[in-house]
Amino acid sequence: MKTITYRQEIRPTDPDAIAEIVRGSGFFSAAEEALARELAEERLEQGEQSSYRFLFAEEDGRVVGYTCYGLIPATAGSYDLYWIAVTQSLRGQETGKRLLQKTEEMIRDLGGRNIYAETSSRPQYAPTRHFYEKCGYLPEAFLKDFYSPGDSKIIYSKPLI
């Protein structure tokens, strides 16, 4: 098994790596892929002024997973996990779990008290929901038909303190 290393700083090549991982998942639309890329580009352009933070997992210098998260405005320590994605070849090998744990540690170090993640209710997302639950997240809200008819939003949360 190869060694996974982690870094927080964003690099100019990261938006392309993010798009490749998101596209390769088979879960997301072209619009969602564009949004994932856009968040990384904003961070590159705005630096620390951007509210989006990243953690990248790399194997042999190649990005194989990432998280994007940020403080929810007007809250005292609540963070959104906007994205977590791992390259297809590493799914089911604990890479996502370790990436999420490291992200939670970083949020805790920033004074984060809670983390929230949302996902779809569609059957395709059952592995995602299972992943969150296995990592200690609890379903807090179910917003019926949020994304489209028959596609509801499930919001998960996890206390960090």
Protein backbone atom coordinates (compact mmCIF):
# COMPACT_ATOMS: atom_id res chain seq x y z
CA MET A 1 0.00 0.00 0.00
CA LYS A 2 1.35 3.42 -0.95
CA THR A 3 1.68 6.25 1.51
CA ILE A 4 -0.94 9.00 1.48
CA THR A 5 0.27 12.48 2.41
CA TYR A 6 -1.88 15.51 3.18
CA ARG A 7 -1.61 19.21 2.48
CA GLN A 8 -3.82 22.24 3.02
CA GLU A 9 -2.36 24.78 0.62
CA ILE A 10 -4.06 24.96 -2.75
CA ARG A 11 -2.04 24.82 -5.96
CA PRO A 12 -2.89 26.00 -9.48
CA THR A 13 -3.25 22.38 -10.67
CA ASP A 14 -5.81 21.49 -7.98
CA PRO A 15 -8.99 22.67 -9.77
CA ASP A 16 -8.22 20.21 -12.60
CA ALA A 17 -7.50 17.41 -10.12
CA ILE A 18 -10.75 18.15 -8.27
CA ALA A 19 -12.75 18.11 -11.50
CA GLU A 20 -11.21 14.77 -12.47
CA ILE A 21 -12.04 13.17 -9.12
CA VAL A 22 -15.60 14.54 -9.10
CA ARG A 23 -16.19 13.52 -12.73
CA GLY A 24 -14.75 10.05 -12.11
CA SER A 25 -17.13 9.41 -9.23
CA GLY A 26 -20.10 9.05 -11.55
CA PHE A 27 -22.27 10.77 -8.93
CA PHE A 28 -22.20 14.40 -9.97
CA SER A 29 -23.59 16.41 -12.86
CA ALA A 30 -21.51 18.69 -15.07
CA ALA A 31 -22.90 21.66 -13.13
CA GLU A 32 -21.78 20.13 -9.82
CA GLU A 33 -18.34 19.42 -11.27
CA ALA A 34 -18.11 23.06 -12.37
CA LEU A 35 -19.11 24.19 -8.88
CA ALA A 36 -16.43 22.03 -7.24
CA ARG A 37 -13.84 23.55 -9.58
CA GLU A 38 -15.18 27.07 -8.95
CA LEU A 39 -14.70 26.78 -5.17
CA ALA A 40 -11.05 25.82 -5.68
CA GLU A 41 -10.53 28.64 -8.17
CA GLU A 42 -12.01 31.11 -5.68
CA ARG A 43 -9.57 29.94 -3.03
CA LEU A 44 -6.68 30.33 -5.48
CA GLU A 45 -7.78 33.87 -6.41
CA GLN A 46 -8.71 35.11 -2.93
CA GLY A 47 -6.31 33.13 -0.74
CA GLU A 48 -7.07 33.50 2.97
CA GLN A 49 -9.91 35.93 2.16
CA SER A 50 -11.90 33.00 0.75
CA SER A 51 -14.17 31.21 3.19
CA TYR A 52 -13.42 27.88 1.48
CA ARG A 53 -10.71 25.70 3.00
CA PHE A 54 -9.26 22.52 1.55
CA LEU A 55 -7.43 19.39 2.57
CA PHE A 56 -5.84 17.33 -0.18
CA ALA A 57 -4.77 13.68 0.00
CA GLU A 58 -1.90 12.80 -2.31
CA GLU A 59 -0.28 9.58 -3.40
CA ASP A 60 3.08 9.92 -5.15
CA GLY A 61 2.40 13.64 -5.64
CA ARG A 62 -0.98 13.06 -7.32
CA VAL A 63 -4.21 14.31 -5.73
CA VAL A 64 -6.35 11.27 -4.90
CA GLY A 65 -8.93 12.89 -2.63
CA TYR A 66 -9.96 16.15 -1.06
CA THR A 67 -12.31 17.92 1.27
CA CYS A 68 -13.66 21.43 0.98
CA TYR A 69 -15.14 22.97 4.11
CA GLY A 70 -15.82 26.31 5.71
CA LEU A 71 -17.22 28.17 8.68
CA ILE A 72 -20.95 28.78 8.31
CA PRO A 73 -21.39 32.57 8.42
CA ALA A 74 -22.96 34.04 11.57
CA THR A 75 -22.36 30.88 13.62
CA ALA A 76 -20.15 30.25 16.62
CA GLY A 77 -18.14 27.30 15.37
CA SER A 78 -20.44 25.48 12.94
CA TYR A 79 -18.77 24.27 9.75
CA ASP A 80 -20.11 22.95 6.47
CA LEU A 81 -18.39 20.05 4.75
CA TYR A 82 -19.04 21.13 1.16
CA TRP A 83 -17.21 18.32 -0.59
CA ILE A 84 -15.44 15.08 0.17
CA ALA A 85 -14.35 12.94 -2.74
CA VAL A 86 -11.79 10.23 -3.32
CA THR A 87 -10.58 8.82 -6.60
CA GLN A 88 -12.49 5.69 -7.66
CA SER A 89 -9.47 3.39 -7.28
CA LEU A 90 -9.15 4.18 -3.55
CA ARG A 91 -12.79 3.94 -2.51
CA GLY A 92 -13.46 1.45 0.24
CA GLN A 93 -9.84 1.54 1.40
CA GLU A 94 -10.26 3.92 4.37
CA THR A 95 -8.84 6.89 2.40
CA GLY A 96 -12.07 8.87 2.69
CA LYS A 97 -12.42 8.02 6.37
CA ARG A 98 -8.89 9.23 7.16
CA LEU A 99 -9.39 12.34 5.05
CA LEU A 100 -12.59 13.13 6.94
CA GLN A 101 -10.95 12.51 10.32
CA LYS A 102 -8.09 14.87 9.47
CA THR A 103 -10.59 17.50 8.28
CA GLU A 104 -12.52 17.17 11.54
CA GLU A 105 -9.28 17.62 13.52
CA MET A 106 -8.45 20.78 11.56
CA ILE A 107 -11.94 22.18 12.12
CA ARG A 108 -11.68 21.38 15.83
CA ASP A 109 -8.32 23.20 15.92
CA LEU A 110 -10.04 26.23 14.36
CA GLY A 111 -12.59 26.25 17.20
CA GLY A 112 -15.22 24.29 15.33
CA ARG A 113 -17.93 22.76 17.48
CA ASN A 114 -20.12 21.07 14.86
CA ILE A 115 -19.78 19.90 11.29
CA TYR A 116 -22.64 19.51 8.83
CA ALA A 117 -22.74 17.52 5.61
CA GLU A 118 -25.57 17.17 3.15
CA THR A 119 -26.33 14.54 0.56
CA SER A 120 -29.10 13.27 -1.64
CA SER A 121 -31.77 10.76 -0.72
CA ARG A 122 -31.51 9.05 -4.12
CA PRO A 123 -30.61 5.34 -3.98
CA GLN A 124 -27.33 6.09 -5.77
CA TYR A 125 -26.22 7.97 -2.63
CA ALA A 126 -26.84 5.09 -0.19
CA PRO A 127 -23.08 4.43 0.08
CA THR A 128 -22.52 8.11 0.89
CA ARG A 129 -25.13 8.06 3.63
CA HIS A 130 -23.64 4.84 5.01
CA PHE A 131 -20.18 6.45 4.97
CA TYR A 132 -21.35 9.45 7.01
CA GLU A 133 -23.19 7.26 9.50
CA LYS A 134 -20.17 4.93 9.86
CA CYS A 135 -18.05 8.03 10.59
CA GLY A 136 -20.36 9.10 13.45
CA TYR A 137 -22.65 11.53 11.64
CA LEU A 138 -26.35 11.58 12.49
CA PRO A 139 -29.16 12.54 10.12
CA GLU A 140 -30.58 15.82 11.45
CA ALA A 141 -32.94 16.96 8.70
CA PHE A 142 -34.78 15.61 5.69
CA LEU A 143 -35.88 18.24 3.17
CA LYS A 144 -38.39 16.55 0.89
CA ASP A 145 -37.97 17.09 -2.87
CA PHE A 146 -35.23 19.65 -2.21
CA TYR A 147 -33.08 19.02 -5.30
CA SER A 148 -35.94 17.87 -7.52
CA PRO A 149 -39.12 15.79 -7.18
CA GLY A 150 -38.10 12.52 -5.56
CA ASP A 151 -34.63 13.82 -4.67
CA SER A 152 -34.60 15.05 -1.08
CA LYS A 153 -31.74 16.56 0.89
CA ILE A 154 -30.47 14.81 4.02
CA ILE A 155 -28.39 16.92 6.39
CA TYR A 156 -26.00 15.09 8.69
CA SER A 157 -24.22 16.53 11.71
CA LYS A 158 -21.45 15.56 14.06
CA PRO A 159 -20.43 17.34 17.26
CA LEU A 160 -16.68 17.96 17.44
CA ILE A 161 -16.42 18.82 21.13
